[in-house]
PDB file of N, CA and C in Angstrom:
ATOM      1  N   MET A   1      33.689  -1.671  30.312  1.00  0.00           N
ATOM      2  CA  MET A   1      33.480  -2.290  29.055  1.00  0.00           C
ATOM      3  C   MET A   1      32.210  -3.286  29.117  1.00  0.00           C
ATOM      4  N   LEU A   2      32.067  -3.893  30.382  1.00  0.00           N
ATOM      5  CA  LEU A   2      30.977  -4.889  30.441  1.00  0.00           C
ATOM      6  C   LEU A   2      29.715  -4.143  30.308  1.00  0.00           C
ATOM      7  N   LYS A   3      29.461  -2.995  30.762  1.00  0.00           N
ATOM      8  CA  LYS A   3      28.276  -2.225  30.588  1.00  0.00           C
ATOM      9  C   LYS A   3      28.003  -2.018  29.089  1.00  0.00           C
ATOM     10  N   TYR A   4      29.043  -1.676  28.422  1.00  0.00           N
ATOM     11  CA  TYR A   4      28.909  -1.468  26.823  1.00  0.00           C
ATOM     12  C   TYR A   4      28.548  -2.712  26.187  1.00  0.00           C
ATOM     13  N   ASP A   5      29.169  -3.853  26.512  1.00  0.00           N
ATOM     14  CA  ASP A   5      28.841  -5.084  26.039  1.00  0.00           C
ATOM     15  C   ASP A   5      27.435  -5.522  26.190  1.00  0.00           C
ATOM     16  N   ASN A   6      26.920  -5.314  27.459  1.00  0.00           N
ATOM     17  CA  ASN A   6      25.544  -5.652  27.710  1.00  0.00           C
ATOM     18  C   ASN A   6      24.586  -4.827  26.920  1.00  0.00           C
ATOM     19  N   LEU A   7      24.894  -3.557  26.758  1.00  0.00           N
ATOM     20  CA  LEU A   7      23.994  -2.589  25.938  1.00  0.00           C
ATOM     21  C   LEU A   7      23.999  -3.153  24.488  1.00  0.00           C
ATOM     22  N   ILE A   8      25.121  -3.645  23.922  1.00  0.00           N
ATOM     23  CA  ILE A   8      25.042  -4.131  22.583  1.00  0.00           C
ATOM     24  C   ILE A   8      24.182  -5.355  22.542  1.00  0.00           C
ATOM     25  N   LEU A   9      24.303  -6.245  23.568  1.00  0.00           N
ATOM     26  CA  LEU A   9      23.430  -7.492  23.532  1.00  0.00           C
ATOM     27  C   LEU A   9      22.051  -7.115  23.676  1.00  0.00           C
ATOM     28  N   VAL A  10      21.667  -6.020  24.423  1.00  0.00           N
ATOM     29  CA  VAL A  10      20.280  -5.690  24.572  1.00  0.00           C
ATOM     30  C   VAL A  10      19.693  -5.216  23.153  1.00  0.00           C
ATOM     31  N   LYS A  11      20.512  -4.331  22.481  1.00  0.00           N
ATOM     32  CA  LYS A  11      20.217  -3.836  21.295  1.00  0.00           C
ATOM     33  C   LYS A  11      20.017  -4.973  20.248  1.00  0.00           C
ATOM     34  N   MET A  12      20.954  -5.906  20.202  1.00  0.00           N
ATOM     35  CA  MET A  12      20.829  -7.008  19.260  1.00  0.00           C
ATOM     36  C   MET A  12      19.586  -7.836  19.478  1.00  0.00           C
ATOM     37  N   LYS A  13      19.231  -8.043  20.704  1.00  0.00           N
ATOM     38  CA  LYS A  13      18.103  -8.847  20.989  1.00  0.00           C
ATOM     39  C   LYS A  13      16.842  -8.143  20.577  1.00  0.00           C
ATOM     40  N   LYS A  14      16.871  -6.925  20.783  1.00  0.00           N
ATOM     41  CA  LYS A  14      15.639  -6.086  20.324  1.00  0.00           C
ATOM     42  C   LYS A  14      15.526  -6.166  18.837  1.00  0.00           C
ATOM     43  N   ILE A  15      16.650  -6.024  18.097  1.00  0.00           N
ATOM     44  CA  ILE A  15      16.658  -6.011  16.731  1.00  0.00           C
ATOM     45  C   ILE A  15      16.154  -7.487  16.170  1.00  0.00           C
ATOM     46  N   TYR A  16      16.681  -8.540  16.781  1.00  0.00           N
ATOM     47  CA  TYR A  16      16.231  -9.854  16.455  1.00  0.00           C
ATOM     48  C   TYR A  16      14.803 -10.030  16.702  1.00  0.00           C
ATOM     49  N   ASN A  17      14.315  -9.717  17.825  1.00  0.00           N
ATOM     50  CA  ASN A  17      12.862  -9.799  18.081  1.00  0.00           C
ATOM     51  C   ASN A  17      11.991  -9.143  17.190  1.00  0.00           C
ATOM     52  N   TYR A  18      12.377  -7.854  16.806  1.00  0.00           N
ATOM     53  CA  TYR A  18      11.644  -7.005  16.008  1.00  0.00           C
ATOM     54  C   TYR A  18      11.668  -7.671  14.641  1.00  0.00           C
ATOM     55  N   LEU A  19      12.716  -8.135  14.164  1.00  0.00           N
ATOM     56  CA  LEU A  19      12.833  -8.745  12.759  1.00  0.00           C
ATOM     57  C   LEU A  19      11.943 -10.105  12.764  1.00  0.00           C
ATOM     58  N   GLU A  20      11.728 -10.741  13.872  1.00  0.00           N
ATOM     59  CA  GLU A  20      10.822 -11.879  13.792  1.00  0.00           C
ATOM     60  C   GLU A  20       9.375 -11.550  13.503  1.00  0.00           C
ATOM     61  N   LEU A  21       9.013 -10.248  13.543  1.00  0.00           N
ATOM     62  CA  LEU A  21       7.587  -9.696  13.297  1.00  0.00           C
ATOM     63  C   LEU A  21       7.400  -9.680  11.733  1.00  0.00           C
ATOM     64  N   TYR A  22       8.442  -9.659  10.945  1.00  0.00           N
ATOM     65  CA  TYR A  22       8.410  -9.543   9.506  1.00  0.00           C
ATOM     66  C   TYR A  22       8.221 -10.950   8.903  1.00  0.00           C
ATOM     67  N   GLU A  23       7.643 -10.949   7.675  1.00  0.00           N
ATOM     68  CA  GLU A  23       7.611 -12.140   6.923  1.00  0.00           C
ATOM     69  C   GLU A  23       9.030 -12.652   6.774  1.00  0.00           C
ATOM     70  N   SER A  24       9.204 -13.942   6.744  1.00  0.00           N
ATOM     71  CA  SER A  24      10.625 -14.466   6.645  1.00  0.00           C
ATOM     72  C   SER A  24      11.393 -13.858   5.446  1.00  0.00           C
ATOM     73  N   LYS A  25      10.778 -13.659   4.328  1.00  0.00           N
ATOM     74  CA  LYS A  25      11.560 -13.228   3.190  1.00  0.00           C
ATOM     75  C   LYS A  25      12.175 -11.744   3.429  1.00  0.00           C
ATOM     76  N   TYR A  26      11.417 -10.943   4.210  1.00  0.00           N
ATOM     77  CA  TYR A  26      11.883  -9.572   4.512  1.00  0.00           C
ATOM     78  C   TYR A  26      12.956  -9.575   5.504  1.00  0.00           C
ATOM     79  N   LYS A  27      12.826 -10.517   6.569  1.00  0.00           N
ATOM     80  CA  LYS A  27      13.817 -10.686   7.607  1.00  0.00           C
ATOM     81  C   LYS A  27      15.074 -11.220   6.946  1.00  0.00           C
ATOM     82  N   ASP A  28      14.985 -12.197   5.996  1.00  0.00           N
ATOM     83  CA  ASP A  28      16.122 -12.792   5.419  1.00  0.00           C
ATOM     84  C   ASP A  28      16.784 -11.741   4.463  1.00  0.00           C
ATOM     85  N   MET A  29      15.964 -10.840   3.815  1.00  0.00           N
ATOM     86  CA  MET A  29      16.500  -9.890   2.903  1.00  0.00           C
ATOM     87  C   MET A  29      17.391  -8.825   3.709  1.00  0.00           C
ATOM     88  N   PHE A  30      16.795  -8.513   4.856  1.00  0.00           N
ATOM     89  CA  PHE A  30      17.518  -7.539   5.665  1.00  0.00           C
ATOM     90  C   PHE A  30      18.891  -8.217   6.160  1.00  0.00           C
ATOM     91  N   LEU A  31      18.848  -9.404   6.642  1.00  0.00           N
ATOM     92  CA  LEU A  31      20.033 -10.055   7.141  1.00  0.00           C
ATOM     93  C   LEU A  31      21.025 -10.236   5.940  1.00  0.00           C
ATOM     94  N   ASP A  32      20.527 -10.662   4.719  1.00  0.00           N
ATOM     95  CA  ASP A  32      21.440 -10.837   3.660  1.00  0.00           C
ATOM     96  C   ASP A  32      22.103  -9.614   3.271  1.00  0.00           C
ATOM     97  N   TYR A  33      21.367  -8.454   3.306  1.00  0.00           N
ATOM     98  CA  TYR A  33      21.934  -7.171   2.768  1.00  0.00           C
ATOM     99  C   TYR A  33      22.962  -6.633   3.878  1.00  0.00           C
ATOM    100  N   TYR A  34      22.478  -6.542   5.118  1.00  0.00           N
ATOM    101  CA  TYR A  34      23.336  -5.824   6.088  1.00  0.00           C
ATOM    102  C   TYR A  34      24.458  -6.736   6.729  1.00  0.00           C
ATOM    103  N   PHE A  35      24.233  -8.089   6.775  1.00  0.00           N
ATOM    104  CA  PHE A  35      25.190  -8.897   7.465  1.00  0.00           C
ATOM    105  C   PHE A  35      26.017  -9.876   6.434  1.00  0.00           C
ATOM    106  N   ASN A  36      25.373 -10.124   5.268  1.00  0.00           N
ATOM    107  CA  ASN A  36      26.047 -11.044   4.390  1.00  0.00           C
ATOM    108  C   ASN A  36      26.484 -10.229   3.138  1.00  0.00           C
ATOM    109  N   GLY A  37      26.243  -8.884   3.070  1.00  0.00           N
ATOM    110  CA  GLY A  37      26.730  -8.170   2.023  1.00  0.00           C
ATOM    111  C   GLY A  37      26.223  -8.425   0.530  1.00  0.00           C
ATOM    112  N   ILE A  38      25.018  -8.948   0.509  1.00  0.00           N
ATOM    113  CA  ILE A  38      24.423  -9.280  -0.758  1.00  0.00           C
ATOM    114  C   ILE A  38      23.838  -7.984  -1.379  1.00  0.00           C
ATOM    115  N   LYS A  39      24.047  -7.732  -2.650  1.00  0.00           N
ATOM    116  CA  LYS A  39      23.659  -6.465  -3.247  1.00  0.00           C
ATOM    117  C   LYS A  39      22.134  -6.362  -3.474  1.00  0.00           C
ATOM    118  N   GLN A  40      21.626  -5.189  -3.541  1.00  0.00           N
ATOM    119  CA  GLN A  40      20.128  -5.069  -3.724  1.00  0.00           C
ATOM    120  C   GLN A  40      19.596  -5.649  -4.971  1.00  0.00           C
ATOM    121  N   LYS A  41      20.419  -5.534  -5.998  1.00  0.00           N
ATOM    122  CA  LYS A  41      20.050  -6.145  -7.269  1.00  0.00           C
ATOM    123  C   LYS A  41      19.878  -7.752  -7.216  1.00  0.00           C
ATOM    124  N   GLN A  42      20.779  -8.231  -6.440  1.00  0.00           N
ATOM    125  CA  GLN A  42      20.856  -9.794  -6.235  1.00  0.00           C
ATOM    126  C   GLN A  42      19.622 -10.132  -5.437  1.00  0.00           C
ATOM    127  N   LEU A  43      19.318  -9.341  -4.402  1.00  0.00           N
ATOM    128  CA  LEU A  43      18.240  -9.641  -3.563  1.00  0.00           C
ATOM    129  C   LEU A  43      16.924  -9.514  -4.346  1.00  0.00           C
ATOM    130  N   ALA A  44      16.838  -8.603  -5.254  1.00  0.00           N
ATOM    131  CA  ALA A  44      15.590  -8.358  -6.114  1.00  0.00           C
ATOM    132  C   ALA A  44      15.406  -9.650  -6.932  1.00  0.00           C
ATOM    133  N   THR A  45      16.496 -10.132  -7.531  1.00  0.00           N
ATOM    134  CA  THR A  45      16.296 -11.394  -8.282  1.00  0.00           C
ATOM    135  C   THR A  45      15.907 -12.626  -7.410  1.00  0.00           C
ATOM    136  N   LYS A  46      16.594 -12.734  -6.260  1.00  0.00           N
ATOM    137  CA  LYS A  46      16.325 -13.868  -5.315  1.00  0.00           C
ATOM    138  C   LYS A  46      14.856 -13.802  -4.808  1.00  0.00           C
ATOM    139  N   TYR A  47      14.329 -12.609  -4.528  1.00  0.00           N
ATOM    140  CA  TYR A  47      12.944 -12.587  -3.958  1.00  0.00           C
ATOM    141  C   TYR A  47      11.948 -12.163  -4.948  1.00  0.00           C
ATOM    142  N   GLY A  48      12.176 -12.098  -6.208  1.00  0.00           N
ATOM    143  CA  GLY A  48      11.160 -11.719  -7.153  1.00  0.00           C
ATOM    144  C   GLY A  48      10.647 -10.359  -7.020  1.00  0.00           C
ATOM    145  N   LEU A  49      11.412  -9.411  -6.688  1.00  0.00           N
ATOM    146  CA  LEU A  49      10.980  -8.062  -6.495  1.00  0.00           C
ATOM    147  C   LEU A  49      11.905  -7.137  -7.390  1.00  0.00           C
ATOM    148  N   SER A  50      11.431  -5.909  -7.523  1.00  0.00           N
ATOM    149  CA  SER A  50      12.261  -4.945  -8.273  1.00  0.00           C
ATOM    150  C   SER A  50      13.356  -4.401  -7.236  1.00  0.00           C
ATOM    151  N   GLN A  51      14.337  -3.807  -7.793  1.00  0.00           N
ATOM    152  CA  GLN A  51      15.424  -3.332  -6.933  1.00  0.00           C
ATOM    153  C   GLN A  51      14.834  -2.116  -6.104  1.00  0.00           C
ATOM    154  N   GLY A  52      13.905  -1.344  -6.652  1.00  0.00           N
ATOM    155  CA  GLY A  52      13.289  -0.314  -5.963  1.00  0.00           C
ATOM    156  C   GLY A  52      12.461  -0.759  -4.802  1.00  0.00           C
ATOM    157  N   GLN A  53      11.768  -1.877  -4.946  1.00  0.00           N
ATOM    158  CA  GLN A  53      10.969  -2.500  -3.827  1.00  0.00           C
ATOM    159  C   GLN A  53      11.975  -2.947  -2.741  1.00  0.00           C
ATOM    160  N   VAL A  54      13.032  -3.619  -3.123  1.00  0.00           N
ATOM    161  CA  VAL A  54      14.041  -4.068  -2.194  1.00  0.00           C
ATOM    162  C   VAL A  54      14.487  -2.797  -1.382  1.00  0.00           C
ATOM    163  N   SER A  55      14.875  -1.792  -2.089  1.00  0.00           N
ATOM    164  CA  SER A  55      15.432  -0.594  -1.441  1.00  0.00           C
ATOM    165  C   SER A  55      14.369   0.058  -0.406  1.00  0.00           C
ATOM    166  N   ARG A  56      13.285   0.234  -0.925  1.00  0.00           N
ATOM    167  CA  ARG A  56      12.192   0.757  -0.011  1.00  0.00           C
ATOM    168  C   ARG A  56      11.899  -0.114   1.206  1.00  0.00           C
ATOM    169  N   LYS A  57      11.927  -1.374   1.051  1.00  0.00           N
ATOM    170  CA  LYS A  57      11.671  -2.305   2.221  1.00  0.00           C
ATOM    171  C   LYS A  57      12.764  -2.188   3.247  1.00  0.00           C
ATOM    172  N   LEU A  58      14.002  -2.218   2.721  1.00  0.00           N
ATOM    173  CA  LEU A  58      15.233  -2.161   3.599  1.00  0.00           C
ATOM    174  C   LEU A  58      15.130  -0.690   4.426  1.00  0.00           C
ATOM    175  N   LYS A  59      14.788   0.277   3.713  1.00  0.00           N
ATOM    176  CA  LYS A  59      14.799   1.596   4.358  1.00  0.00           C
ATOM    177  C   LYS A  59      13.633   1.680   5.348  1.00  0.00           C
ATOM    178  N   SER A  60      12.526   1.074   5.021  1.00  0.00           N
ATOM    179  CA  SER A  60      11.421   0.977   6.013  1.00  0.00           C
ATOM    180  C   SER A  60      11.769   0.190   7.269  1.00  0.00           C
ATOM    181  N   ILE A  61      12.521  -0.880   7.156  1.00  0.00           N
ATOM    182  CA  ILE A  61      12.956  -1.633   8.274  1.00  0.00           C
ATOM    183  C   ILE A  61      13.942  -0.831   9.069  1.00  0.00           C
ATOM    184  N   ILE A  62      14.883  -0.216   8.415  1.00  0.00           N
ATOM    185  CA  ILE A  62      15.955   0.614   9.158  1.00  0.00           C
ATOM    186  C   ILE A  62      15.174   1.797   9.883  1.00  0.00           C
ATOM    187  N   LYS A  63      14.264   2.398   9.350  1.00  0.00           N
ATOM    188  CA  LYS A  63      13.573   3.503   9.904  1.00  0.00           C
ATOM    189  C   LYS A  63      12.838   3.019  11.161  1.00  0.00           C
ATOM    190  N   SER A  64      12.167   1.869  11.065  1.00  0.00           N
ATOM    191  CA  SER A  64      11.546   1.225  12.270  1.00  0.00           C
ATOM    192  C   SER A  64      12.482   0.867  13.317  1.00  0.00           C
ATOM    193  N   LEU A  65      13.599   0.243  13.019  1.00  0.00           N
ATOM    194  CA  LEU A  65      14.631  -0.003  13.923  1.00  0.00           C
ATOM    195  C   LEU A  65      15.190   1.215  14.585  1.00  0.00           C
ATOM    196  N   GLN A  66      15.320   2.202  13.894  1.00  0.00           N
ATOM    197  CA  GLN A  66      15.824   3.469  14.593  1.00  0.00           C
ATOM    198  C   GLN A  66      14.812   3.944  15.627  1.00  0.00           C
ATOM    199  N   GLU A  67      13.604   3.932  15.254  1.00  0.00           N
ATOM    200  CA  GLU A  67      12.542   4.341  16.187  1.00  0.00           C
ATOM    201  C   GLU A  67      12.590   3.396  17.383  1.00  0.00           C
ATOM    202  N   LEU A  68      12.648   2.149  17.185  1.00  0.00           N
ATOM    203  CA  LEU A  68      12.661   1.143  18.309  1.00  0.00           C
ATOM    204  C   LEU A  68      13.824   1.402  19.150  1.00  0.00           C
ATOM    205  N   LEU A  69      14.996   1.722  18.658  1.00  0.00           N
ATOM    206  CA  LEU A  69      16.197   1.887  19.418  1.00  0.00           C
ATOM    207  C   LEU A  69      16.573   3.302  19.859  1.00  0.00           C
ATOM    208  N   LYS A  70      15.678   4.259  19.517  1.00  0.00           N
ATOM    209  CA  LYS A  70      15.937   5.660  19.821  1.00  0.00           C
ATOM    210  C   LYS A  70      16.391   6.062  21.278  1.00  0.00           C
ATOM    211  N   ASP A  71      15.875   5.250  22.207  1.00  0.00           N
ATOM    212  CA  ASP A  71      16.234   5.498  23.596  1.00  0.00           C
ATOM    213  C   ASP A  71      17.713   5.094  23.961  1.00  0.00           C
ATOM    214  N   TYR A  72      18.352   4.378  23.035  1.00  0.00           N
ATOM    215  CA  TYR A  72      19.660   3.936  23.260  1.00  0.00           C
ATOM    216  C   TYR A  72      20.764   4.887  22.675  1.00  0.00           C
ATOM    217  N   TYR A  73      20.303   5.851  22.015  1.00  0.00           N
ATOM    218  CA  TYR A  73      21.322   6.805  21.406  1.00  0.00           C
ATOM    219  C   TYR A  73      21.634   7.890  22.274  1.00  0.00           C
TER     220      TYR A  73
END
């Protein structure tokens, strides 16, 4: 179990470090959506974007994270 826990920590650190490369609003948007459960429509209002822009940005971040973490799957 310890090996599994360490792997999770490594992944989370990589995700956090990667998100630091984004403008703060996009990092916050990602965290709000995936960890705080805020809906895309609410994020669009909060960040002054269309819902489509929010959706595309979130998908772009997820795609990049999948590429970053592909060696762990």
